[in-house]
Amino acid sequence: QVQLVESGGGLVQAGGSLRRSCAASGSIFSISTMGWYRQAPGKQRELVAQITSGGSTNYADSVKGRFTISRDNAKNTVYLQMNSLKPEDTAVYYCNGYRPNPIPYNYWGQGTQVTVSS
């Protein structure tokens, strides 16, 4: 089992910045890719950014150049630095940990609301 505990987030004005953190505990050796997803009201959950154990990153087109994902393996923590925030970034953000073996499985954090006011 893996537990993901998120922190950070909240309310910010457009153009501002926020930093999310996600601390993993438990069978973290089983996790290959960590990431962040978000879900806005009435919309499906979508990928925001992800980072592999080797440090390769992938971003949604809508956040490229504004958001940065990073991980500190010594602290078992993944971060999401969000800059130049826009009202359309408003959503509940979820930390994700992907376990490929023995059976592919996704672990989720509790989710935290991020609201960007115009």
N, C-alpha and C. Protein backbone atom coordinates (compact mmCIF):
# COMPACT_ATOMS: atom_id res chain seq x y z
N GLN A 1 0.83 -1.19 0.00
CA GLN A 1 0.00 0.00 0.00
C GLN A 1 0.87 1.26 0.00
N VAL A 2 0.35 2.27 -0.62
CA VAL A 2 1.03 3.57 -0.68
C VAL A 2 0.06 4.64 -0.22
N GLN A 3 0.55 5.54 0.62
CA GLN A 3 -0.26 6.67 1.05
C GLN A 3 0.34 7.95 0.47
N LEU A 4 -0.53 8.78 -0.05
CA LEU A 4 -0.12 10.07 -0.62
C LEU A 4 -0.81 11.18 0.14
N VAL A 5 -0.02 12.06 0.73
CA VAL A 5 -0.57 13.16 1.52
C VAL A 5 -0.16 14.47 0.87
N GLU A 6 -1.16 15.24 0.50
CA GLU A 6 -0.93 16.49 -0.20
C GLU A 6 -0.93 17.68 0.76
N SER A 7 -0.24 18.72 0.35
CA SER A 7 -0.27 19.98 1.08
C SER A 7 -0.09 21.11 0.07
N GLY A 8 -0.40 22.31 0.52
CA GLY A 8 -0.35 23.46 -0.37
C GLY A 8 -1.69 23.68 -1.03
N GLY A 9 -1.75 24.62 -1.96
CA GLY A 9 -2.99 24.93 -2.63
C GLY A 9 -3.72 26.05 -1.93
N GLY A 10 -4.93 26.32 -2.38
CA GLY A 10 -5.73 27.37 -1.78
C GLY A 10 -6.21 28.37 -2.79
N LEU A 11 -6.31 29.62 -2.37
CA LEU A 11 -6.85 30.69 -3.19
C LEU A 11 -5.75 31.66 -3.58
N VAL A 12 -5.72 32.03 -4.86
CA VAL A 12 -4.71 32.96 -5.34
C VAL A 12 -5.31 33.80 -6.46
N GLN A 13 -4.79 34.99 -6.64
CA GLN A 13 -5.25 35.84 -7.74
C GLN A 13 -4.58 35.41 -9.04
N ALA A 14 -5.23 35.73 -10.13
CA ALA A 14 -4.66 35.45 -11.45
C ALA A 14 -3.28 36.09 -11.57
N GLY A 15 -2.36 35.31 -12.14
CA GLY A 15 -0.99 35.77 -12.27
C GLY A 15 -0.11 35.35 -11.11
N GLY A 16 -0.72 34.86 -10.06
CA GLY A 16 0.03 34.46 -8.88
C GLY A 16 0.60 33.06 -8.98
N SER A 17 1.18 32.62 -7.88
CA SER A 17 1.85 31.31 -7.85
C SER A 17 1.41 30.52 -6.62
N LEU A 18 1.47 29.21 -6.79
CA LEU A 18 1.22 28.29 -5.69
C LEU A 18 2.17 27.10 -5.84
N ARG A 19 2.45 26.45 -4.73
CA ARG A 19 3.27 25.24 -4.75
C ARG A 19 2.55 24.13 -4.01
N ARG A 20 2.38 23.01 -4.70
CA ARG A 20 1.78 21.83 -4.12
C ARG A 20 2.86 20.83 -3.79
N SER A 21 2.64 20.11 -2.69
CA SER A 21 3.55 19.03 -2.31
C SER A 21 2.76 17.76 -2.10
N CYS A 22 3.41 16.64 -2.33
CA CYS A 22 2.77 15.34 -2.14
C CYS A 22 3.81 14.39 -1.56
N ALA A 23 3.60 13.99 -0.32
CA ALA A 23 4.54 13.09 0.35
C ALA A 23 4.01 11.66 0.29
N ALA A 24 4.86 10.77 -0.17
CA ALA A 24 4.49 9.36 -0.29
C ALA A 24 5.08 8.55 0.85
N SER A 25 4.32 7.58 1.32
CA SER A 25 4.80 6.66 2.35
C SER A 25 4.26 5.28 2.06
N GLY A 26 4.82 4.29 2.71
CA GLY A 26 4.40 2.91 2.48
C GLY A 26 5.32 2.24 1.48
N SER A 27 4.75 1.45 0.60
CA SER A 27 5.52 0.67 -0.38
C SER A 27 5.92 1.53 -1.58
N ILE A 28 6.66 2.58 -1.29
CA ILE A 28 6.98 3.56 -2.34
C ILE A 28 7.89 3.01 -3.40
N PHE A 29 8.61 1.90 -3.09
CA PHE A 29 9.51 1.31 -4.07
C PHE A 29 8.73 0.81 -5.29
N SER A 30 7.44 0.58 -5.09
CA SER A 30 6.62 0.05 -6.18
C SER A 30 6.15 1.13 -7.15
N ILE A 31 6.34 2.38 -6.78
CA ILE A 31 5.85 3.49 -7.60
C ILE A 31 6.88 3.86 -8.66
N SER A 32 6.43 3.96 -9.92
CA SER A 32 7.36 4.37 -10.98
C SER A 32 7.14 5.83 -11.35
N THR A 33 5.92 6.20 -11.59
CA THR A 33 5.62 7.56 -12.05
C THR A 33 4.73 8.27 -11.04
N MET A 34 5.10 9.51 -10.74
CA MET A 34 4.28 10.36 -9.89
C MET A 34 3.72 11.49 -10.75
N GLY A 35 2.58 11.98 -10.37
CA GLY A 35 1.99 13.04 -11.17
C GLY A 35 0.92 13.82 -10.44
N TRP A 36 0.42 14.79 -11.16
CA TRP A 36 -0.68 15.61 -10.67
C TRP A 36 -1.79 15.61 -11.72
N TYR A 37 -3.00 15.44 -11.24
CA TYR A 37 -4.19 15.54 -12.07
C TYR A 37 -5.08 16.62 -11.49
N ARG A 38 -6.03 17.07 -12.28
CA ARG A 38 -7.00 18.04 -11.77
C ARG A 38 -8.37 17.77 -12.36
N GLN A 39 -9.36 18.19 -11.61
CA GLN A 39 -10.74 18.02 -12.07
C GLN A 39 -11.53 19.27 -11.74
N ALA A 40 -12.00 19.92 -12.77
CA ALA A 40 -12.84 21.11 -12.62
C ALA A 40 -14.30 20.68 -12.61
N PRO A 41 -15.19 21.50 -12.03
CA PRO A 41 -16.61 21.13 -11.99
C PRO A 41 -17.17 20.83 -13.37
N GLY A 42 -17.83 19.70 -13.49
CA GLY A 42 -18.45 19.33 -14.75
C GLY A 42 -17.50 18.79 -15.80
N LYS A 43 -16.24 18.61 -15.42
CA LYS A 43 -15.26 18.11 -16.38
C LYS A 43 -14.61 16.83 -15.87
N GLN A 44 -14.00 16.11 -16.80
CA GLN A 44 -13.30 14.90 -16.42
C GLN A 44 -11.94 15.23 -15.80
N ARG A 45 -11.46 14.31 -15.00
CA ARG A 45 -10.13 14.47 -14.42
C ARG A 45 -9.10 14.41 -15.55
N GLU A 46 -8.15 15.33 -15.52
CA GLU A 46 -7.16 15.39 -16.58
C GLU A 46 -5.76 15.44 -16.00
N LEU A 47 -4.81 14.93 -16.79
CA LEU A 47 -3.41 14.97 -16.40
C LEU A 47 -2.90 16.40 -16.48
N VAL A 48 -2.18 16.81 -15.43
CA VAL A 48 -1.52 18.11 -15.44
C VAL A 48 -0.03 17.93 -15.74
N ALA A 49 0.62 17.09 -14.99
CA ALA A 49 2.06 16.86 -15.16
C ALA A 49 2.43 15.54 -14.51
N GLN A 50 3.48 14.90 -15.02
CA GLN A 50 3.96 13.68 -14.42
C GLN A 50 5.47 13.60 -14.56
N ILE A 51 6.06 12.81 -13.64
CA ILE A 51 7.51 12.66 -13.63
C ILE A 51 7.83 11.21 -13.31
N THR A 52 8.74 10.64 -14.08
CA THR A 52 9.13 9.25 -13.86
C THR A 52 10.21 9.16 -12.78
N SER A 53 10.50 7.95 -12.39
CA SER A 53 11.54 7.74 -11.39
C SER A 53 12.91 8.20 -11.92
N GLY A 54 13.05 8.23 -13.23
CA GLY A 54 14.29 8.69 -13.83
C GLY A 54 14.35 10.18 -14.06
N GLY A 55 13.25 10.87 -13.77
CA GLY A 55 13.24 12.31 -13.88
C GLY A 55 12.64 12.87 -15.17
N SER A 56 12.17 11.99 -16.06
CA SER A 56 11.53 12.49 -17.28
C SER A 56 10.17 13.09 -16.94
N THR A 57 9.85 14.17 -17.59
CA THR A 57 8.60 14.88 -17.29
C THR A 57 7.70 14.98 -18.51
N ASN A 58 6.42 15.16 -18.22
CA ASN A 58 5.41 15.33 -19.25
C ASN A 58 4.38 16.30 -18.72
N TYR A 59 3.94 17.23 -19.58
CA TYR A 59 3.00 18.26 -19.16
C TYR A 59 1.82 18.35 -20.13
N ALA A 60 0.70 18.72 -19.58
CA ALA A 60 -0.44 19.07 -20.43
C ALA A 60 -0.09 20.35 -21.18
N ASP A 61 -0.56 20.46 -22.40
CA ASP A 61 -0.26 21.64 -23.21
C ASP A 61 -0.70 22.92 -22.51
N SER A 62 -1.78 22.85 -21.77
CA SER A 62 -2.34 24.05 -21.15
C SER A 62 -1.47 24.62 -20.03
N VAL A 63 -0.53 23.82 -19.52
CA VAL A 63 0.30 24.30 -18.40
C VAL A 63 1.77 24.40 -18.75
N LYS A 64 2.13 23.99 -19.94
CA LYS A 64 3.54 24.05 -20.35
C LYS A 64 4.07 25.48 -20.25
N GLY A 65 5.25 25.60 -19.67
CA GLY A 65 5.86 26.91 -19.51
C GLY A 65 5.42 27.65 -18.26
N ARG A 66 4.38 27.14 -17.59
CA ARG A 66 3.88 27.79 -16.38
C ARG A 66 4.04 26.90 -15.13
N PHE A 67 3.86 25.61 -15.31
CA PHE A 67 3.94 24.68 -14.20
C PHE A 67 5.23 23.86 -14.31
N THR A 68 5.77 23.50 -13.15
CA THR A 68 6.97 22.65 -13.11
C THR A 68 6.77 21.56 -12.07
N ILE A 69 6.97 20.32 -12.50
CA ILE A 69 6.90 19.19 -11.59
C ILE A 69 8.32 18.75 -11.25
N SER A 70 8.51 18.37 -10.00
CA SER A 70 9.82 17.88 -9.58
C SER A 70 9.62 16.85 -8.47
N ARG A 71 10.65 16.07 -8.19
CA ARG A 71 10.55 15.10 -7.12
C ARG A 71 11.86 15.04 -6.35
N ASP A 72 11.71 14.84 -5.06
CA ASP A 72 12.86 14.66 -4.18
C ASP A 72 12.79 13.22 -3.68
N ASN A 73 13.58 12.36 -4.27
CA ASN A 73 13.50 10.93 -3.93
C ASN A 73 13.92 10.67 -2.48
N ALA A 74 14.82 11.49 -1.96
CA ALA A 74 15.26 11.29 -0.58
C ALA A 74 14.12 11.56 0.40
N LYS A 75 13.23 12.47 0.02
CA LYS A 75 12.09 12.82 0.88
C LYS A 75 10.80 12.14 0.43
N ASN A 76 10.89 11.37 -0.66
CA ASN A 76 9.69 10.69 -1.19
C ASN A 76 8.57 11.69 -1.44
N THR A 77 8.94 12.82 -2.00
CA THR A 77 7.98 13.90 -2.19
C THR A 77 8.04 14.41 -3.63
N VAL A 78 6.87 14.70 -4.16
CA VAL A 78 6.79 15.31 -5.48
C VAL A 78 6.15 16.69 -5.32
N TYR A 79 6.60 17.62 -6.13
CA TYR A 79 6.15 19.01 -6.03
C TYR A 79 5.55 19.46 -7.37
N LEU A 80 4.66 20.41 -7.27
CA LEU A 80 4.11 21.08 -8.45
C LEU A 80 4.17 22.57 -8.20
N GLN A 81 5.07 23.24 -8.89
CA GLN A 81 5.16 24.68 -8.82
C GLN A 81 4.29 25.26 -9.92
N MET A 82 3.33 26.06 -9.52
CA MET A 82 2.37 26.63 -10.47
C MET A 82 2.54 28.14 -10.52
N ASN A 83 2.97 28.65 -11.65
CA ASN A 83 3.18 30.08 -11.85
C ASN A 83 2.21 30.62 -12.89
N SER A 84 2.08 31.92 -12.91
CA SER A 84 1.20 32.59 -13.89
C SER A 84 -0.17 31.93 -13.94
N LEU A 85 -0.74 31.72 -12.78
CA LEU A 85 -2.01 31.01 -12.70
C LEU A 85 -3.13 31.79 -13.36
N LYS A 86 -4.04 31.02 -13.96
CA LYS A 86 -5.19 31.59 -14.66
C LYS A 86 -6.47 31.08 -14.01
N PRO A 87 -7.56 31.81 -14.17
CA PRO A 87 -8.84 31.32 -13.61
C PRO A 87 -9.19 29.92 -14.11
N GLU A 88 -8.83 29.59 -15.32
CA GLU A 88 -9.13 28.26 -15.86
C GLU A 88 -8.30 27.14 -15.22
N ASP A 89 -7.35 27.51 -14.37
CA ASP A 89 -6.60 26.50 -13.61
C ASP A 89 -7.36 26.08 -12.35
N THR A 90 -8.46 26.75 -12.07
CA THR A 90 -9.26 26.42 -10.90
C THR A 90 -9.80 25.00 -11.00
N ALA A 91 -9.51 24.20 -9.98
CA ALA A 91 -9.92 22.79 -9.99
C ALA A 91 -9.49 22.16 -8.67
N VAL A 92 -9.93 20.93 -8.46
CA VAL A 92 -9.39 20.11 -7.39
C VAL A 92 -8.18 19.37 -7.96
N TYR A 93 -7.06 19.51 -7.32
CA TYR A 93 -5.83 18.89 -7.79
C TYR A 93 -5.53 17.64 -6.95
N TYR A 94 -5.17 16.57 -7.65
CA TYR A 94 -4.91 15.28 -7.02
C TYR A 94 -3.49 14.82 -7.32
N CYS A 95 -2.81 14.37 -6.30
CA CYS A 95 -1.53 13.72 -6.48
C CYS A 95 -1.77 12.27 -6.90
N ASN A 96 -0.93 11.76 -7.76
CA ASN A 96 -1.08 10.41 -8.28
C ASN A 96 0.24 9.67 -8.23
N GLY A 97 0.15 8.40 -7.87
CA GLY A 97 1.32 7.53 -7.94
C GLY A 97 0.95 6.27 -8.70
N TYR A 98 1.72 5.93 -9.70
CA TYR A 98 1.40 4.79 -10.56
C TYR A 98 2.33 3.62 -10.26
N ARG A 99 1.69 2.47 -9.98
CA ARG A 99 2.42 1.24 -9.74
C ARG A 99 2.22 0.30 -10.91
N PRO A 100 3.26 -0.01 -11.66
CA PRO A 100 3.10 -0.85 -12.84
C PRO A 100 3.00 -2.35 -12.56
N ASN A 101 3.60 -2.80 -11.47
CA ASN A 101 3.65 -4.23 -11.18
C ASN A 101 3.23 -4.51 -9.75
N PRO A 102 2.74 -5.71 -9.46
CA PRO A 102 2.42 -6.80 -10.39
C PRO A 102 1.17 -6.56 -11.23
N ILE A 103 0.30 -5.72 -10.71
CA ILE A 103 -0.91 -5.32 -11.45
C ILE A 103 -0.94 -3.80 -11.47
N PRO A 104 -1.05 -3.20 -12.66
CA PRO A 104 -1.08 -1.73 -12.72
C PRO A 104 -2.14 -1.15 -11.79
N TYR A 105 -1.72 -0.14 -11.05
CA TYR A 105 -2.64 0.43 -10.06
C TYR A 105 -2.28 1.89 -9.84
N ASN A 106 -3.31 2.71 -9.68
CA ASN A 106 -3.11 4.13 -9.40
C ASN A 106 -3.47 4.44 -7.96
N TYR A 107 -2.56 5.09 -7.27
CA TYR A 107 -2.82 5.61 -5.93
C TYR A 107 -3.14 7.10 -6.04
N TRP A 108 -4.04 7.57 -5.18
CA TRP A 108 -4.46 8.98 -5.23
C TRP A 108 -4.33 9.65 -3.88
N GLY A 109 -3.96 10.92 -3.92
CA GLY A 109 -4.02 11.74 -2.73
C GLY A 109 -5.45 12.18 -2.47
N GLN A 110 -5.62 12.94 -1.41
CA GLN A 110 -6.98 13.31 -0.98
C GLN A 110 -7.59 14.40 -1.84
N GLY A 111 -6.77 15.10 -2.61
CA GLY A 111 -7.27 16.18 -3.45
C GLY A 111 -7.40 17.48 -2.67
N THR A 112 -7.02 18.57 -3.31
CA THR A 112 -7.09 19.88 -2.67
C THR A 112 -7.57 20.91 -3.68
N GLN A 113 -8.46 21.76 -3.25
CA GLN A 113 -9.00 22.79 -4.12
C GLN A 113 -7.97 23.89 -4.37
N VAL A 114 -7.82 24.24 -5.62
CA VAL A 114 -7.03 25.41 -6.02
C VAL A 114 -7.99 26.35 -6.75
N THR A 115 -8.12 27.56 -6.25
CA THR A 115 -9.01 28.54 -6.85
C THR A 115 -8.22 29.76 -7.27
N VAL A 116 -8.36 30.12 -8.53
CA VAL A 116 -7.68 31.30 -9.07
C VAL A 116 -8.73 32.34 -9.39
N SER A 117 -8.66 33.45 -8.72
CA SER A 117 -9.64 34.51 -8.94
C SER A 117 -9.14 35.49 -10.00
N SER A 118 -10.09 36.03 -10.75
CA SER A 118 -9.72 36.97 -11.83
C SER A 118 -9.67 38.39 -11.32
